[in-house]
Each structure stands twice: as structure tokens, then as C-alpha cells.
Full PDB file with SEQRES, HELIX, SHEET, SSBOND, CRYST1, ORIGX, SCALE, CONECT and MASTER records, all heavy atoms in Angstrom:
SEQRES   1 A   36  SER ALA THR ARG ARG LYS GLU LEU LEU SER GLU PHE GLU          
SEQRES   2 A   36  ARG GLU ILE GLN GLY HIS MET ALA GLY GLU GLU ARG VAL          
SEQRES   3 A   36  PHE TYR PRO LEU LEU GLN LYS THR GLY ASP                      
HELIX    1 AA1 ALA A    2  GLY A   22  1                                  21    
HELIX    2 AA2 GLU A   23  PHE A   27  3                                   5    
HELIX    3 AA3 TYR A   28  LEU A   31  1                                   4    
CRYST1    1.000    1.000    1.000  90.00  90.00  90.00 P 1           1          
ORIGX1      1.000000  0.000000  0.000000        0.00000                         
ORIGX2      0.000000  1.000000  0.000000        0.00000                         
ORIGX3      0.000000  0.000000  1.000000        0.00000                         
SCALE1      1.000000  0.000000  0.000000        0.00000                         
SCALE2      0.000000  1.000000  0.000000        0.00000                         
SCALE3      0.000000  0.000000  1.000000        0.00000                         
ATOM      1  N   SER A   1      33.160  10.530   5.457  1.00  0.00           N  
ATOM      2  CA  SER A   1      33.548   9.109   5.403  1.00  0.00           C  
ATOM      3  C   SER A   1      32.720   8.343   4.387  1.00  0.00           C  
ATOM      4  O   SER A   1      31.603   8.780   4.018  1.00  0.00           O  
ATOM      5  CB  SER A   1      33.422   8.508   6.746  1.00  0.00           C  
ATOM      6  OG  SER A   1      32.080   8.376   7.145  1.00  0.00           O  
ATOM      7  N   ALA A   2      33.199   7.240   3.970  1.00  0.00           N  
ATOM      8  CA  ALA A   2      32.474   6.312   3.060  1.00  0.00           C  
ATOM      9  C   ALA A   2      31.099   5.921   3.747  1.00  0.00           C  
ATOM     10  O   ALA A   2      30.073   5.902   3.092  1.00  0.00           O  
ATOM     11  CB  ALA A   2      33.283   5.079   2.715  1.00  0.00           C  
ATOM     12  N   THR A   3      31.067   5.720   5.054  1.00  0.00           N  
ATOM     13  CA  THR A   3      29.918   5.288   5.746  1.00  0.00           C  
ATOM     14  C   THR A   3      28.926   6.450   5.683  1.00  0.00           C  
ATOM     15  O   THR A   3      27.705   6.191   5.376  1.00  0.00           O  
ATOM     16  CB  THR A   3      30.232   4.964   7.228  1.00  0.00           C  
ATOM     17  OG1 THR A   3      31.151   3.916   7.210  1.00  0.00           O  
ATOM     18  CG2 THR A   3      28.928   4.551   7.974  1.00  0.00           C  
ATOM     19  N   ARG A   4      29.358   7.674   5.961  1.00  0.00           N  
ATOM     20  CA  ARG A   4      28.461   8.825   5.858  1.00  0.00           C  
ATOM     21  C   ARG A   4      27.942   9.032   4.463  1.00  0.00           C  
ATOM     22  O   ARG A   4      26.789   9.398   4.272  1.00  0.00           O  
ATOM     23  CB  ARG A   4      29.174  10.071   6.395  1.00  0.00           C  
ATOM     24  CG  ARG A   4      28.307  11.325   6.418  1.00  0.00           C  
ATOM     25  CD  ARG A   4      27.151  11.198   7.354  1.00  0.00           C  
ATOM     26  NE  ARG A   4      26.314  12.392   7.260  1.00  0.00           N  
ATOM     27  CZ  ARG A   4      25.032  12.415   7.335  1.00  0.00           C  
ATOM     28  NH1 ARG A   4      24.351  11.280   7.508  1.00  0.00           N  
ATOM     29  NH2 ARG A   4      24.358  13.552   7.265  1.00  0.00           N  
ATOM     30  N   ARG A   5      28.809   8.885   3.457  1.00  0.00           N  
ATOM     31  CA  ARG A   5      28.297   9.028   2.072  1.00  0.00           C  
ATOM     32  C   ARG A   5      27.187   8.042   1.737  1.00  0.00           C  
ATOM     33  O   ARG A   5      26.226   8.400   1.124  1.00  0.00           O  
ATOM     34  CB  ARG A   5      29.429   8.794   1.088  1.00  0.00           C  
ATOM     35  CG  ARG A   5      30.376  10.012   0.998  1.00  0.00           C  
ATOM     36  CD  ARG A   5      31.402   9.819  -0.057  1.00  0.00           C  
ATOM     37  NE  ARG A   5      32.269  10.974  -0.151  1.00  0.00           N  
ATOM     38  CZ  ARG A   5      33.459  10.968  -0.767  1.00  0.00           C  
ATOM     39  NH1 ARG A   5      33.970   9.921  -1.331  1.00  0.00           N  
ATOM     40  NH2 ARG A   5      34.179  12.080  -0.797  1.00  0.00           N  
ATOM     41  N   LYS A   6      27.357   6.786   2.224  1.00  0.00           N  
ATOM     42  CA  LYS A   6      26.297   5.773   1.990  1.00  0.00           C  
ATOM     43  C   LYS A   6      25.065   6.201   2.694  1.00  0.00           C  
ATOM     44  O   LYS A   6      23.923   6.042   2.122  1.00  0.00           O  
ATOM     45  CB  LYS A   6      26.865   4.426   2.549  1.00  0.00           C  
ATOM     46  CG  LYS A   6      26.347   3.288   1.878  1.00  0.00           C  
ATOM     47  CD  LYS A   6      27.080   2.033   2.335  1.00  0.00           C  
ATOM     48  CE  LYS A   6      26.612   0.849   1.527  1.00  0.00           C  
ATOM     49  NZ  LYS A   6      27.297  -0.350   1.845  1.00  0.00           N  
ATOM     50  N   GLU A   7      25.066   6.701   3.929  1.00  0.00           N  
ATOM     51  CA  GLU A   7      23.924   7.226   4.601  1.00  0.00           C  
ATOM     52  C   GLU A   7      23.276   8.410   3.851  1.00  0.00           C  
ATOM     53  O   GLU A   7      22.061   8.408   3.762  1.00  0.00           O  
ATOM     54  CB  GLU A   7      24.301   7.681   6.048  1.00  0.00           C  
ATOM     55  CG  GLU A   7      24.737   6.574   7.024  1.00  0.00           C  
ATOM     56  CD  GLU A   7      25.342   7.143   8.328  1.00  0.00           C  
ATOM     57  OE1 GLU A   7      25.439   8.413   8.454  1.00  0.00           O  
ATOM     58  OE2 GLU A   7      25.720   6.334   9.090  1.00  0.00           O  
ATOM     59  N   LEU A   8      24.118   9.312   3.453  1.00  0.00           N  
ATOM     60  CA  LEU A   8      23.560  10.432   2.711  1.00  0.00           C  
ATOM     61  C   LEU A   8      22.891  10.015   1.425  1.00  0.00           C  
ATOM     62  O   LEU A   8      21.880  10.549   1.102  1.00  0.00           O  
ATOM     63  CB  LEU A   8      24.708  11.404   2.454  1.00  0.00           C  
ATOM     64  CG  LEU A   8      25.240  12.235   3.535  1.00  0.00           C  
ATOM     65  CD1 LEU A   8      26.545  12.858   3.180  1.00  0.00           C  
ATOM     66  CD2 LEU A   8      24.298  13.260   4.041  1.00  0.00           C  
ATOM     67  N   LEU A   9      23.468   9.045   0.707  1.00  0.00           N  
ATOM     68  CA  LEU A   9      22.870   8.537  -0.497  1.00  0.00           C  
ATOM     69  C   LEU A   9      21.484   7.938  -0.152  1.00  0.00           C  
ATOM     70  O   LEU A   9      20.493   8.200  -0.903  1.00  0.00           O  
ATOM     71  CB  LEU A   9      23.755   7.527  -1.169  1.00  0.00           C  
ATOM     72  CG  LEU A   9      23.234   6.930  -2.417  1.00  0.00           C  
ATOM     73  CD1 LEU A   9      22.950   7.986  -3.515  1.00  0.00           C  
ATOM     74  CD2 LEU A   9      24.214   5.871  -2.972  1.00  0.00           C  
ATOM     75  N   SER A  10      21.450   7.175   0.863  1.00  0.00           N  
ATOM     76  CA  SER A  10      20.093   6.569   1.239  1.00  0.00           C  
ATOM     77  C   SER A  10      19.033   7.615   1.569  1.00  0.00           C  
ATOM     78  O   SER A  10      17.922   7.541   1.138  1.00  0.00           O  
ATOM     79  CB  SER A  10      20.279   5.600   2.455  1.00  0.00           C  
ATOM     80  OG  SER A  10      20.973   4.460   2.058  1.00  0.00           O  
ATOM     81  N   GLU A  11      19.440   8.594   2.392  1.00  0.00           N  
ATOM     82  CA  GLU A  11      18.549   9.713   2.667  1.00  0.00           C  
ATOM     83  C   GLU A  11      18.094  10.461   1.482  1.00  0.00           C  
ATOM     84  O   GLU A  11      16.936  10.792   1.235  1.00  0.00           O  
ATOM     85  CB  GLU A  11      19.258  10.714   3.650  1.00  0.00           C  
ATOM     86  CG  GLU A  11      19.461  10.152   5.085  1.00  0.00           C  
ATOM     87  CD  GLU A  11      20.390  11.051   5.869  1.00  0.00           C  
ATOM     88  OE1 GLU A  11      20.459  12.267   5.572  1.00  0.00           O  
ATOM     89  OE2 GLU A  11      20.969  10.531   6.774  1.00  0.00           O  
ATOM     90  N   PHE A  12      19.139  10.711   0.617  1.00  0.00           N  
ATOM     91  CA  PHE A  12      18.785  11.454  -0.624  1.00  0.00           C  
ATOM     92  C   PHE A  12      17.845  10.663  -1.536  1.00  0.00           C  
ATOM     93  O   PHE A  12      16.861  11.211  -2.087  1.00  0.00           O  
ATOM     94  CB  PHE A  12      20.102  11.751  -1.385  1.00  0.00           C  
ATOM     95  CG  PHE A  12      19.868  12.434  -2.750  1.00  0.00           C  
ATOM     96  CD1 PHE A  12      19.641  13.784  -2.796  1.00  0.00           C  
ATOM     97  CD2 PHE A  12      19.909  11.731  -3.910  1.00  0.00           C  
ATOM     98  CE1 PHE A  12      19.416  14.392  -3.929  1.00  0.00           C  
ATOM     99  CE2 PHE A  12      19.724  12.347  -5.102  1.00  0.00           C  
ATOM    100  CZ  PHE A  12      19.457  13.696  -5.171  1.00  0.00           C  
ATOM    101  N   GLU A  13      18.030   9.424  -1.636  1.00  0.00           N  
ATOM    102  CA  GLU A  13      17.222   8.562  -2.503  1.00  0.00           C  
ATOM    103  C   GLU A  13      15.749   8.581  -2.009  1.00  0.00           C  
ATOM    104  O   GLU A  13      14.859   8.692  -2.784  1.00  0.00           O  
ATOM    105  CB  GLU A  13      17.667   7.106  -2.547  1.00  0.00           C  
ATOM    106  CG  GLU A  13      18.790   6.872  -3.475  1.00  0.00           C  
ATOM    107  CD  GLU A  13      19.130   5.451  -3.703  1.00  0.00           C  
ATOM    108  OE1 GLU A  13      19.770   4.859  -2.806  1.00  0.00           O  
ATOM    109  OE2 GLU A  13      18.783   4.875  -4.783  1.00  0.00           O  
ATOM    110  N   ARG A  14      15.601   8.454  -0.661  1.00  0.00           N  
ATOM    111  CA  ARG A  14      14.271   8.466  -0.117  1.00  0.00           C  
ATOM    112  C   ARG A  14      13.537   9.782  -0.481  1.00  0.00           C  
ATOM    113  O   ARG A  14      12.395   9.799  -0.908  1.00  0.00           O  
ATOM    114  CB  ARG A  14      14.234   8.300   1.412  1.00  0.00           C  
ATOM    115  CG  ARG A  14      14.214   6.847   1.872  1.00  0.00           C  
ATOM    116  CD  ARG A  14      13.977   6.737   3.346  1.00  0.00           C  
ATOM    117  NE  ARG A  14      14.974   7.471   4.174  1.00  0.00           N  
ATOM    118  CZ  ARG A  14      16.144   7.051   4.528  1.00  0.00           C  
ATOM    119  NH1 ARG A  14      16.527   5.873   4.097  1.00  0.00           N  
ATOM    120  NH2 ARG A  14      16.906   7.767   5.287  1.00  0.00           N  
ATOM    121  N   GLU A  15      14.248  10.868  -0.285  1.00  0.00           N  
ATOM    122  CA  GLU A  15      13.652  12.213  -0.549  1.00  0.00           C  
ATOM    123  C   GLU A  15      13.322  12.431  -2.021  1.00  0.00           C  
ATOM    124  O   GLU A  15      12.260  12.778  -2.429  1.00  0.00           O  
ATOM    125  CB  GLU A  15      14.626  13.284  -0.051  1.00  0.00           C  
ATOM    126  CG  GLU A  15      14.102  14.730  -0.245  1.00  0.00           C  
ATOM    127  CD  GLU A  15      12.877  15.021   0.521  1.00  0.00           C  
ATOM    128  OE1 GLU A  15      12.694  14.499   1.620  1.00  0.00           O  
ATOM    129  OE2 GLU A  15      12.052  15.864  -0.003  1.00  0.00           O  
ATOM    130  N   ILE A  16      14.330  12.085  -2.881  1.00  0.00           N  
ATOM    131  CA  ILE A  16      14.173  12.358  -4.329  1.00  0.00           C  
ATOM    132  C   ILE A  16      13.203  11.448  -4.984  1.00  0.00           C  
ATOM    133  O   ILE A  16      12.481  11.807  -5.895  1.00  0.00           O  
ATOM    134  CB  ILE A  16      15.565  12.327  -5.044  1.00  0.00           C  
ATOM    135  CG1 ILE A  16      15.473  13.112  -6.391  1.00  0.00           C  
ATOM    136  CG2 ILE A  16      16.057  10.935  -5.297  1.00  0.00           C  
ATOM    137  CD1 ILE A  16      15.416  14.565  -6.318  1.00  0.00           C  
ATOM    138  N   GLN A  17      13.127  10.172  -4.551  1.00  0.00           N  
ATOM    139  CA  GLN A  17      12.180   9.277  -5.199  1.00  0.00           C  
ATOM    140  C   GLN A  17      10.741   9.635  -4.929  1.00  0.00           C  
ATOM    141  O   GLN A  17       9.896   9.623  -5.822  1.00  0.00           O  
ATOM    142  CB  GLN A  17      12.453   7.814  -4.700  1.00  0.00           C  
ATOM    143  CG  GLN A  17      13.706   7.265  -5.364  1.00  0.00           C  
ATOM    144  CD  GLN A  17      14.143   5.905  -4.824  1.00  0.00           C  
ATOM    145  OE1 GLN A  17      13.713   5.491  -3.774  1.00  0.00           O  
ATOM    146  NE2 GLN A  17      14.992   5.258  -5.536  1.00  0.00           N  
ATOM    147  N   GLY A  18      10.418  10.083  -3.681  1.00  0.00           N  
ATOM    148  CA  GLY A  18       9.118  10.545  -3.428  1.00  0.00           C  
ATOM    149  C   GLY A  18       8.727  11.769  -4.209  1.00  0.00           C  
ATOM    150  O   GLY A  18       7.625  11.938  -4.801  1.00  0.00           O  
ATOM    151  N   HIS A  19       9.692  12.676  -4.275  1.00  0.00           N  
ATOM    152  CA  HIS A  19       9.508  13.930  -5.005  1.00  0.00           C  
ATOM    153  C   HIS A  19       9.303  13.667  -6.510  1.00  0.00           C  
ATOM    154  O   HIS A  19       8.349  14.212  -7.067  1.00  0.00           O  
ATOM    155  CB  HIS A  19      10.791  14.808  -4.769  1.00  0.00           C  
ATOM    156  CG  HIS A  19      10.738  16.134  -5.522  1.00  0.00           C  
ATOM    157  ND1 HIS A  19      10.180  17.188  -4.990  1.00  0.00           N  
ATOM    158  CD2 HIS A  19      11.281  16.459  -6.716  1.00  0.00           C  
ATOM    159  CE1 HIS A  19      10.290  18.254  -5.865  1.00  0.00           C  
ATOM    160  NE2 HIS A  19      11.016  17.799  -6.927  1.00  0.00           N  
ATOM    161  N   MET A  20      10.101  12.842  -7.100  1.00  0.00           N  
ATOM    162  CA  MET A  20       9.951  12.537  -8.495  1.00  0.00           C  
ATOM    163  C   MET A  20       8.578  11.856  -8.769  1.00  0.00           C  
ATOM    164  O   MET A  20       7.930  12.164  -9.721  1.00  0.00           O  
ATOM    165  CB  MET A  20      11.082  11.717  -8.997  1.00  0.00           C  
ATOM    166  CG  MET A  20      12.400  12.468  -9.040  1.00  0.00           C  
ATOM    167  SD  MET A  20      13.809  11.625  -9.934  1.00  0.00           S  
ATOM    168  CE  MET A  20      13.986  10.150  -8.904  1.00  0.00           C  
ATOM    169  N   ALA A  21       8.246  10.903  -7.875  1.00  0.00           N  
ATOM    170  CA  ALA A  21       7.002  10.191  -8.125  1.00  0.00           C  
ATOM    171  C   ALA A  21       5.794  11.149  -8.075  1.00  0.00           C  
ATOM    172  O   ALA A  21       4.906  11.066  -8.821  1.00  0.00           O  
ATOM    173  CB  ALA A  21       6.829   9.088  -7.035  1.00  0.00           C  
ATOM    174  N   GLY A  22       5.852  12.092  -7.075  1.00  0.00           N  
ATOM    175  CA  GLY A  22       4.768  13.051  -6.983  1.00  0.00           C  
ATOM    176  C   GLY A  22       4.632  13.942  -8.233  1.00  0.00           C  
ATOM    177  O   GLY A  22       3.563  14.137  -8.716  1.00  0.00           O  
ATOM    178  N   GLU A  23       5.839  14.401  -8.693  1.00  0.00           N  
ATOM    179  CA  GLU A  23       5.764  15.262  -9.828  1.00  0.00           C  
ATOM    180  C   GLU A  23       5.294  14.506 -11.075  1.00  0.00           C  
ATOM    181  O   GLU A  23       4.480  14.998 -11.871  1.00  0.00           O  
ATOM    182  CB  GLU A  23       7.181  15.760 -10.174  1.00  0.00           C  
ATOM    183  CG  GLU A  23       7.606  16.918  -9.235  1.00  0.00           C  
ATOM    184  CD  GLU A  23       8.962  17.484  -9.616  1.00  0.00           C  
ATOM    185  OE1 GLU A  23       9.798  16.755 -10.201  1.00  0.00           O  
ATOM    186  OE2 GLU A  23       9.172  18.656  -9.307  1.00  0.00           O  
ATOM    187  N   GLU A  24       5.756  13.266 -11.236  1.00  0.00           N  
ATOM    188  CA  GLU A  24       5.386  12.440 -12.394  1.00  0.00           C  
ATOM    189  C   GLU A  24       3.918  12.029 -12.388  1.00  0.00           C  
ATOM    190  O   GLU A  24       3.331  11.972 -13.467  1.00  0.00           O  
ATOM    191  CB  GLU A  24       6.258  11.189 -12.440  1.00  0.00           C  
ATOM    192  CG  GLU A  24       7.703  11.530 -12.817  1.00  0.00           C  
ATOM    193  CD  GLU A  24       8.664  10.336 -12.568  1.00  0.00           C  
ATOM    194  OE1 GLU A  24       8.155   9.200 -12.290  1.00  0.00           O  
ATOM    195  OE2 GLU A  24       9.876  10.560 -12.602  1.00  0.00           O  
ATOM    196  N   ARG A  25       3.310  11.889 -11.221  1.00  0.00           N  
ATOM    197  CA  ARG A  25       1.932  11.435 -11.146  1.00  0.00           C  
ATOM    198  C   ARG A  25       0.950  12.624 -11.173  1.00  0.00           C  
ATOM    199  O   ARG A  25      -0.198  12.475 -11.567  1.00  0.00           O  
ATOM    200  CB  ARG A  25       1.703  10.666  -9.874  1.00  0.00           C  
ATOM    201  CG  ARG A  25       2.410   9.277  -9.937  1.00  0.00           C  
ATOM    202  CD  ARG A  25       2.150   8.488  -8.650  1.00  0.00           C  
ATOM    203  NE  ARG A  25       2.895   7.298  -8.637  1.00  0.00           N  
ATOM    204  CZ  ARG A  25       3.488   6.761  -7.598  1.00  0.00           C  
ATOM    205  NH1 ARG A  25       3.344   7.335  -6.440  1.00  0.00           N  
ATOM    206  NH2 ARG A  25       4.195   5.677  -7.690  1.00  0.00           N  
ATOM    207  N   VAL A  26       1.369  13.830 -10.665  1.00  0.00           N  
ATOM    208  CA  VAL A  26       0.421  14.906 -10.520  1.00  0.00           C  
ATOM    209  C   VAL A  26       0.800  16.126 -11.340  1.00  0.00           C  
ATOM    210  O   VAL A  26      -0.085  16.676 -12.037  1.00  0.00           O  
ATOM    211  CB  VAL A  26       0.313  15.261  -8.947  1.00  0.00           C  
ATOM    212  CG1 VAL A  26      -0.575  16.508  -8.731  1.00  0.00           C  
ATOM    213  CG2 VAL A  26      -0.105  14.074  -8.160  1.00  0.00           C  
ATOM    214  N   PHE A  27       2.074  16.560 -11.231  1.00  0.00           N  
ATOM    215  CA  PHE A  27       2.322  17.878 -11.829  1.00  0.00           C  
ATOM    216  C   PHE A  27       2.591  17.761 -13.301  1.00  0.00           C  
ATOM    217  O   PHE A  27       1.946  18.529 -14.116  1.00  0.00           O  
ATOM    218  CB  PHE A  27       3.620  18.379 -11.128  1.00  0.00           C  
ATOM    219  CG  PHE A  27       3.982  19.832 -11.436  1.00  0.00           C  
ATOM    220  CD1 PHE A  27       3.117  20.847 -11.372  1.00  0.00           C  
ATOM    221  CD2 PHE A  27       5.347  20.099 -11.779  1.00  0.00           C  
ATOM    222  CE1 PHE A  27       3.475  22.124 -11.647  1.00  0.00           C  
ATOM    223  CE2 PHE A  27       5.734  21.395 -12.067  1.00  0.00           C  
ATOM    224  CZ  PHE A  27       4.814  22.442 -12.020  1.00  0.00           C  
ATOM    225  N   TYR A  28       3.453  16.888 -13.753  1.00  0.00           N  
ATOM    226  CA  TYR A  28       3.805  16.782 -15.137  1.00  0.00           C  
ATOM    227  C   TYR A  28       2.624  16.432 -16.060  1.00  0.00           C  
ATOM    228  O   TYR A  28       2.474  17.025 -17.159  1.00  0.00           O  
ATOM    229  CB  TYR A  28       4.963  15.793 -15.422  1.00  0.00           C  
ATOM    230  CG  TYR A  28       6.255  16.236 -14.775  1.00  0.00           C  
ATOM    231  CD1 TYR A  28       7.271  15.293 -14.537  1.00  0.00           C  
ATOM    232  CD2 TYR A  28       6.486  17.574 -14.404  1.00  0.00           C  
ATOM    233  CE1 TYR A  28       8.489  15.706 -13.952  1.00  0.00           C  
ATOM    234  CE2 TYR A  28       7.703  17.919 -13.905  1.00  0.00           C  
ATOM    235  CZ  TYR A  28       8.712  16.985 -13.615  1.00  0.00           C  
ATOM    236  OH  TYR A  28       9.877  17.335 -13.064  1.00  0.00           O  
ATOM    237  N   PRO A  29       1.793  15.437 -15.678  1.00  0.00           N  
ATOM    238  CA  PRO A  29       0.618  15.104 -16.578  1.00  0.00           C  
ATOM    239  C   PRO A  29      -0.230  16.337 -16.841  1.00  0.00           C  
ATOM    240  O   PRO A  29      -0.747  16.533 -17.975  1.00  0.00           O  
ATOM    241  CB  PRO A  29      -0.157  14.071 -15.802  1.00  0.00           C  
ATOM    242  CG  PRO A  29       0.872  13.406 -14.964  1.00  0.00           C  
ATOM    243  CD  PRO A  29       1.838  14.537 -14.546  1.00  0.00           C  
ATOM    244  N   LEU A  30      -0.471  17.173 -15.893  1.00  0.00           N  
ATOM    245  CA  LEU A  30      -1.234  18.410 -16.091  1.00  0.00           C  
ATOM    246  C   LEU A  30      -0.586  19.362 -17.111  1.00  0.00           C  
ATOM    247  O   LEU A  30      -1.261  19.843 -17.986  1.00  0.00           O  
ATOM    248  CB  LEU A  30      -1.486  19.082 -14.806  1.00  0.00           C  
ATOM    249  CG  LEU A  30      -2.313  20.386 -14.928  1.00  0.00           C  
ATOM    250  CD1 LEU A  30      -3.773  20.073 -14.929  1.00  0.00           C  
ATOM    251  CD2 LEU A  30      -1.945  21.367 -13.873  1.00  0.00           C  
ATOM    252  N   LEU A  31       0.711  19.521 -16.968  1.00  0.00           N  
ATOM    253  CA  LEU A  31       1.428  20.442 -17.811  1.00  0.00           C  
ATOM    254  C   LEU A  31       1.559  19.845 -19.241  1.00  0.00           C  
ATOM    255  O   LEU A  31       1.680  20.589 -20.240  1.00  0.00           O  
ATOM    256  CB  LEU A  31       2.807  20.753 -17.300  1.00  0.00           C  
ATOM    257  CG  LEU A  31       2.822  21.528 -15.990  1.00  0.00           C  
ATOM    258  CD1 LEU A  31       4.207  21.586 -15.358  1.00  0.00           C  
ATOM    259  CD2 LEU A  31       2.253  22.931 -16.145  1.00  0.00           C  
ATOM    260  N   GLN A  32       1.510  18.565 -19.374  1.00  0.00           N  
ATOM    261  CA  GLN A  32       1.590  17.918 -20.679  1.00  0.00           C  
ATOM    262  C   GLN A  32       0.365  18.191 -21.544  1.00  0.00           C  
ATOM    263  O   GLN A  32       0.320  17.905 -22.705  1.00  0.00           O  
ATOM    264  CB  GLN A  32       1.937  16.430 -20.648  1.00  0.00           C  
ATOM    265  CG  GLN A  32       3.318  16.202 -20.133  1.00  0.00           C  
ATOM    266  CD  GLN A  32       3.634  14.756 -19.839  1.00  0.00           C  
ATOM    267  OE1 GLN A  32       2.854  13.860 -20.207  1.00  0.00           O  
ATOM    268  NE2 GLN A  32       4.756  14.496 -19.257  1.00  0.00           N  
ATOM    269  N   LYS A  33      -0.710  18.689 -20.916  1.00  0.00           N  
ATOM    270  CA  LYS A  33      -1.974  19.008 -21.608  1.00  0.00           C  
ATOM    271  C   LYS A  33      -1.909  20.393 -22.295  1.00  0.00           C  
ATOM    272  O   LYS A  33      -2.761  20.693 -23.067  1.00  0.00           O  
ATOM    273  CB  LYS A  33      -3.117  18.944 -20.671  1.00  0.00           C  
ATOM    274  CG  LYS A  33      -3.375  17.510 -20.130  1.00  0.00           C  
ATOM    275  CD  LYS A  33      -4.513  17.564 -19.125  1.00  0.00           C  
ATOM    276  CE  LYS A  33      -4.648  16.156 -18.539  1.00  0.00           C  
ATOM    277  NZ  LYS A  33      -5.636  16.104 -17.396  1.00  0.00           N  
ATOM    278  N   THR A  34      -0.855  21.144 -21.937  1.00  0.00           N  
ATOM    279  CA  THR A  34      -0.818  22.528 -22.532  1.00  0.00           C  
ATOM    280  C   THR A  34       0.348  22.570 -23.498  1.00  0.00           C  
ATOM    281  O   THR A  34       1.370  22.030 -23.248  1.00  0.00           O  
ATOM    282  CB  THR A  34      -0.642  23.591 -21.430  1.00  0.00           C  
ATOM    283  OG1 THR A  34       0.620  23.421 -20.845  1.00  0.00           O  
ATOM    284  CG2 THR A  34      -1.696  23.522 -20.434  1.00  0.00           C  
ATOM    285  N   GLY A  35       0.150  23.304 -24.617  1.00  0.00           N  
ATOM    286  CA  GLY A  35       1.135  23.308 -25.682  1.00  0.00           C  
ATOM    287  C   GLY A  35       2.554  23.811 -25.295  1.00  0.00           C  
ATOM    288  O   GLY A  35       3.485  23.132 -25.511  1.00  0.00           O  
ATOM    289  N   ASP A  36       2.628  24.953 -24.638  1.00  0.00           N  
ATOM    290  CA  ASP A  36       3.917  25.507 -24.429  1.00  0.00           C  
ATOM    291  C   ASP A  36       4.710  24.753 -23.264  1.00  0.00           C  
ATOM    292  O   ASP A  36       5.908  24.771 -23.290  1.00  0.00           O  
ATOM    293  CB  ASP A  36       3.870  27.004 -24.088  1.00  0.00           C  
ATOM    294  CG  ASP A  36       3.058  27.299 -22.802  1.00  0.00           C  
ATOM    295  OD1 ASP A  36       2.195  26.535 -22.459  1.00  0.00           O  
ATOM    296  OD2 ASP A  36       3.323  28.339 -22.181  1.00  0.00           O  
TER     297      ASP A  36                                                      
MASTER        0    0    0    3    0    0    0    6  296    1    0    3          
END                                                                             
């Protein structure tokens, strides 16, 4: 249902935003220091 899709989107956003923030603050900066 449209209601469930809206709920799923909210749940997804919470999960993905934290994940992306963690990668951007911790994981990617370290990898950007190496050439390959």
C-alpha cells in the first residue's frame, strides 16, 4: 500500500543516512589517501 511504501521509505532513509554518514566520515577519507 501507499502507506506501507511511505513507512518503508522512512525506515530506509534512517538506515541509509547513518550508513552513508559513517562511510563518508570514517571509511572513504582513509581510502582517499591511497592511490589506487
